[in-house]
Amino acid sequence: MEWMTLALKKYAQFNGRSRRKEYWMFFLLQIIIFVIAQIIDNIVFGRPIVYFVAALALIVPSIAVGIRRMHDTDHSGWWILVPIVNLVFACTEGTRGPNRFGEDPKSPGNADVFA
């Protein structure tokens, strides 16, 4: 659960790097939230009110974690705008050691690495 919420803790932090695990676990959290929101909307409202609020609340952290993921592969955050390429970069292992965007998130002294 810590990996899923790490991107929310860094809500609008566009600098630095994010591991694959952080990126994909947040992606999974988004899917879970959207499914629950859609179920609530279908049962209670009949319109996508909760879904819209959830999407609006998660757009900034999803862009931020995507940009940090591009940084981990030593690419500019602008690559997030190119659909197929950003998927390839999101699946690629990050650069070992420090790169131009910061320290390696997998390094032993990094606070973002969970046991």
C-alpha atoms as a PDB file:
ATOM      1  CA  MET A   1       0.000   0.000   0.000  1.00  0.00           C
ATOM      2  CA  GLU A   2       2.934   2.332   0.612  1.00  0.00           C
ATOM      3  CA  TRP A   3       3.942   2.143  -3.047  1.00  0.00           C
ATOM      4  CA  MET A   4       0.414   3.009  -4.160  1.00  0.00           C
ATOM      5  CA  THR A   5       0.236   6.148  -2.051  1.00  0.00           C
ATOM      6  CA  LEU A   6       3.798   7.368  -2.619  1.00  0.00           C
ATOM      7  CA  ALA A   7       2.753   9.284  -5.740  1.00  0.00           C
ATOM      8  CA  LEU A   8      -0.008  10.987  -3.734  1.00  0.00           C
ATOM      9  CA  LYS A   9       2.525  12.043  -1.100  1.00  0.00           C
ATOM     10  CA  LYS A  10       4.528  13.681  -3.903  1.00  0.00           C
ATOM     11  CA  TYR A  11       1.317  15.205  -5.295  1.00  0.00           C
ATOM     12  CA  ALA A  12       2.784  17.911  -7.545  1.00  0.00           C
ATOM     13  CA  GLN A  13       6.500  17.114  -7.452  1.00  0.00           C
ATOM     14  CA  PHE A  14       7.664  17.048 -11.064  1.00  0.00           C
ATOM     15  CA  ASN A  15      11.396  16.853 -10.384  1.00  0.00           C
ATOM     16  CA  GLY A  16      13.293  13.760  -9.342  1.00  0.00           C
ATOM     17  CA  ARG A  17      12.785  10.134 -10.325  1.00  0.00           C
ATOM     18  CA  SER A  18      10.193   7.403  -9.740  1.00  0.00           C
ATOM     19  CA  ARG A  19      10.776   3.677  -9.872  1.00  0.00           C
ATOM     20  CA  ARG A  20       8.712   1.368 -12.067  1.00  0.00           C
ATOM     21  CA  LYS A  21       7.095  -0.062  -8.969  1.00  0.00           C
ATOM     22  CA  GLU A  22       5.889   3.350  -7.791  1.00  0.00           C
ATOM     23  CA  TYR A  23       4.525   4.206 -11.240  1.00  0.00           C
ATOM     24  CA  TRP A  24       2.665   0.936 -11.857  1.00  0.00           C
ATOM     25  CA  MET A  25       1.314   0.624  -8.320  1.00  0.00           C
ATOM     26  CA  PHE A  26      -0.128   4.133  -8.597  1.00  0.00           C
ATOM     27  CA  PHE A  27      -1.598   3.141 -11.970  1.00  0.00           C
ATOM     28  CA  LEU A  28      -3.249   0.151 -10.246  1.00  0.00           C
ATOM     29  CA  LEU A  29      -4.556   2.418  -7.465  1.00  0.00           C
ATOM     30  CA  GLN A  30      -6.105   4.695 -10.087  1.00  0.00           C
ATOM     31  CA  ILE A  31      -7.885   1.780 -11.734  1.00  0.00           C
ATOM     32  CA  ILE A  32      -9.254   0.629  -8.365  1.00  0.00           C
ATOM     33  CA  ILE A  33     -10.435   4.157  -7.501  1.00  0.00           C
ATOM     34  CA  PHE A  34     -12.089   4.616 -10.903  1.00  0.00           C
ATOM     35  CA  VAL A  35     -13.901   1.271 -10.707  1.00  0.00           C
ATOM     36  CA  ILE A  36     -15.201   2.057  -7.212  1.00  0.00           C
ATOM     37  CA  ALA A  37     -16.224   5.558  -8.314  1.00  0.00           C
ATOM     38  CA  GLN A  38     -18.085   4.166 -11.302  1.00  0.00           C
ATOM     39  CA  ILE A  39     -19.910   1.636  -9.125  1.00  0.00           C
ATOM     40  CA  ILE A  40     -20.930   4.393  -6.691  1.00  0.00           C
ATOM     41  CA  ASP A  41     -22.077   6.582  -9.573  1.00  0.00           C
ATOM     42  CA  ASN A  42     -24.184   3.807 -11.091  1.00  0.00           C
ATOM     43  CA  ILE A  43     -25.822   2.925  -7.777  1.00  0.00           C
ATOM     44  CA  VAL A  44     -26.359   6.383  -6.284  1.00  0.00           C
ATOM     45  CA  PHE A  45     -26.300   9.101  -8.919  1.00  0.00           C
ATOM     46  CA  GLY A  46     -26.807   7.577 -12.353  1.00  0.00           C
ATOM     47  CA  ARG A  47     -24.286  10.109 -13.660  1.00  0.00           C
ATOM     48  CA  PRO A  48     -20.471  10.087 -13.445  1.00  0.00           C
ATOM     49  CA  ILE A  49     -20.177  12.647 -10.628  1.00  0.00           C
ATOM     50  CA  VAL A  50     -17.820  10.753  -8.291  1.00  0.00           C
ATOM     51  CA  TYR A  51     -15.824   9.472 -11.269  1.00  0.00           C
ATOM     52  CA  PHE A  52     -15.317  13.028 -12.525  1.00  0.00           C
ATOM     53  CA  VAL A  53     -14.201  14.262  -9.094  1.00  0.00           C
ATOM     54  CA  ALA A  54     -11.769  11.335  -8.750  1.00  0.00           C
ATOM     55  CA  ALA A  55     -10.346  11.948 -12.226  1.00  0.00           C
ATOM     56  CA  LEU A  56      -9.936  15.639 -11.478  1.00  0.00           C
ATOM     57  CA  ALA A  57      -8.213  14.912  -8.152  1.00  0.00           C
ATOM     58  CA  LEU A  58      -5.815  12.348  -9.669  1.00  0.00           C
ATOM     59  CA  ILE A  59      -4.785  14.162 -12.842  1.00  0.00           C
ATOM     60  CA  VAL A  60      -1.930  16.178 -11.277  1.00  0.00           C
ATOM     61  CA  PRO A  61      -0.299  13.269  -9.398  1.00  0.00           C
ATOM     62  CA  SER A  62      -0.626  10.988 -12.423  1.00  0.00           C
ATOM     63  CA  ILE A  63       1.138  13.518 -14.656  1.00  0.00           C
ATOM     64  CA  ALA A  64       3.779  14.105 -11.976  1.00  0.00           C
ATOM     65  CA  VAL A  65       4.542  10.409 -11.465  1.00  0.00           C
ATOM     66  CA  GLY A  66       4.637   9.906 -15.234  1.00  0.00           C
ATOM     67  CA  ILE A  67       7.163  12.707 -15.656  1.00  0.00           C
ATOM     68  CA  ARG A  68       9.268  11.368 -12.785  1.00  0.00           C
ATOM     69  CA  ARG A  69       9.134   7.927 -14.432  1.00  0.00           C
ATOM     70  CA  MET A  70      10.466   9.417 -17.683  1.00  0.00           C
ATOM     71  CA  HIS A  71      13.223  11.073 -15.643  1.00  0.00           C
ATOM     72  CA  ASP A  72      14.192   7.690 -14.164  1.00  0.00           C
ATOM     73  CA  THR A  73      14.908   6.416 -17.676  1.00  0.00           C
ATOM     74  CA  ASP A  74      16.997   9.582 -18.297  1.00  0.00           C
ATOM     75  CA  HIS A  75      14.473  11.126 -20.687  1.00  0.00           C
ATOM     76  CA  SER A  76      12.715  14.464 -20.618  1.00  0.00           C
ATOM     77  CA  GLY A  77       9.251  14.583 -19.075  1.00  0.00           C
ATOM     78  CA  TRP A  78       7.894  15.781 -22.417  1.00  0.00           C
ATOM     79  CA  TRP A  79       8.100  12.181 -23.654  1.00  0.00           C
ATOM     80  CA  ILE A  80       4.910  11.547 -21.676  1.00  0.00           C
ATOM     81  CA  LEU A  81       3.057  13.171 -24.596  1.00  0.00           C
ATOM     82  CA  VAL A  82       4.165  10.480 -27.083  1.00  0.00           C
ATOM     83  CA  PRO A  83       1.839   7.497 -26.469  1.00  0.00           C
ATOM     84  CA  ILE A  84       3.774   4.401 -27.557  1.00  0.00           C
ATOM     85  CA  VAL A  85       7.203   5.703 -26.595  1.00  0.00           C
ATOM     86  CA  ASN A  86       6.155   6.679 -23.069  1.00  0.00           C
ATOM     87  CA  LEU A  87       4.735   3.185 -22.525  1.00  0.00           C
ATOM     88  CA  VAL A  88       8.069   1.681 -23.560  1.00  0.00           C
ATOM     89  CA  PHE A  89       9.962   4.056 -21.247  1.00  0.00           C
ATOM     90  CA  ALA A  90       7.529   3.340 -18.381  1.00  0.00           C
ATOM     91  CA  CYS A  91       8.272  -0.384 -18.726  1.00  0.00           C
ATOM     92  CA  THR A  92      12.031   0.062 -19.068  1.00  0.00           C
ATOM     93  CA  GLU A  93      14.295  -0.231 -16.042  1.00  0.00           C
ATOM     94  CA  GLY A  94      15.587   3.111 -14.826  1.00  0.00           C
ATOM     95  CA  THR A  95      19.137   4.343 -15.186  1.00  0.00           C
ATOM     96  CA  ARG A  96      21.425   2.855 -12.554  1.00  0.00           C
ATOM     97  CA  GLY A  97      23.133   5.440 -10.398  1.00  0.00           C
ATOM     98  CA  PRO A  98      22.543   9.163 -10.575  1.00  0.00           C
ATOM     99  CA  ASN A  99      21.504  10.787 -13.822  1.00  0.00           C
ATOM    100  CA  ARG A 100      20.777  14.399 -14.801  1.00  0.00           C
ATOM    101  CA  PHE A 101      17.429  14.262 -12.965  1.00  0.00           C
ATOM    102  CA  GLY A 102      18.691  13.109  -9.584  1.00  0.00           C
ATOM    103  CA  GLU A 103      19.784  10.165  -7.504  1.00  0.00           C
ATOM    104  CA  ASP A 104      18.803   6.580  -8.240  1.00  0.00           C
ATOM    105  CA  PRO A 105      15.562   5.782  -6.365  1.00  0.00           C
ATOM    106  CA  LYS A 106      16.848   2.221  -5.887  1.00  0.00           C
ATOM    107  CA  SER A 107      20.004   3.358  -4.111  1.00  0.00           C
ATOM    108  CA  PRO A 108      20.344   1.982  -0.545  1.00  0.00           C
ATOM    109  CA  GLY A 109      20.294   5.406   1.147  1.00  0.00           C
ATOM    110  CA  ASN A 110      17.190   6.676  -0.635  1.00  0.00           C
ATOM    111  CA  ALA A 111      14.165   7.268   1.610  1.00  0.00           C
ATOM    112  CA  ASP A 112      11.700   6.282  -1.156  1.00  0.00           C
ATOM    113  CA  VAL A 113      12.810   2.649  -1.119  1.00  0.00           C
ATOM    114  CA  PHE A 114      10.638   0.446   1.047  1.00  0.00           C
ATOM    115  CA  ALA A 115      11.721  -2.867   2.489  1.00  0.00           C
END
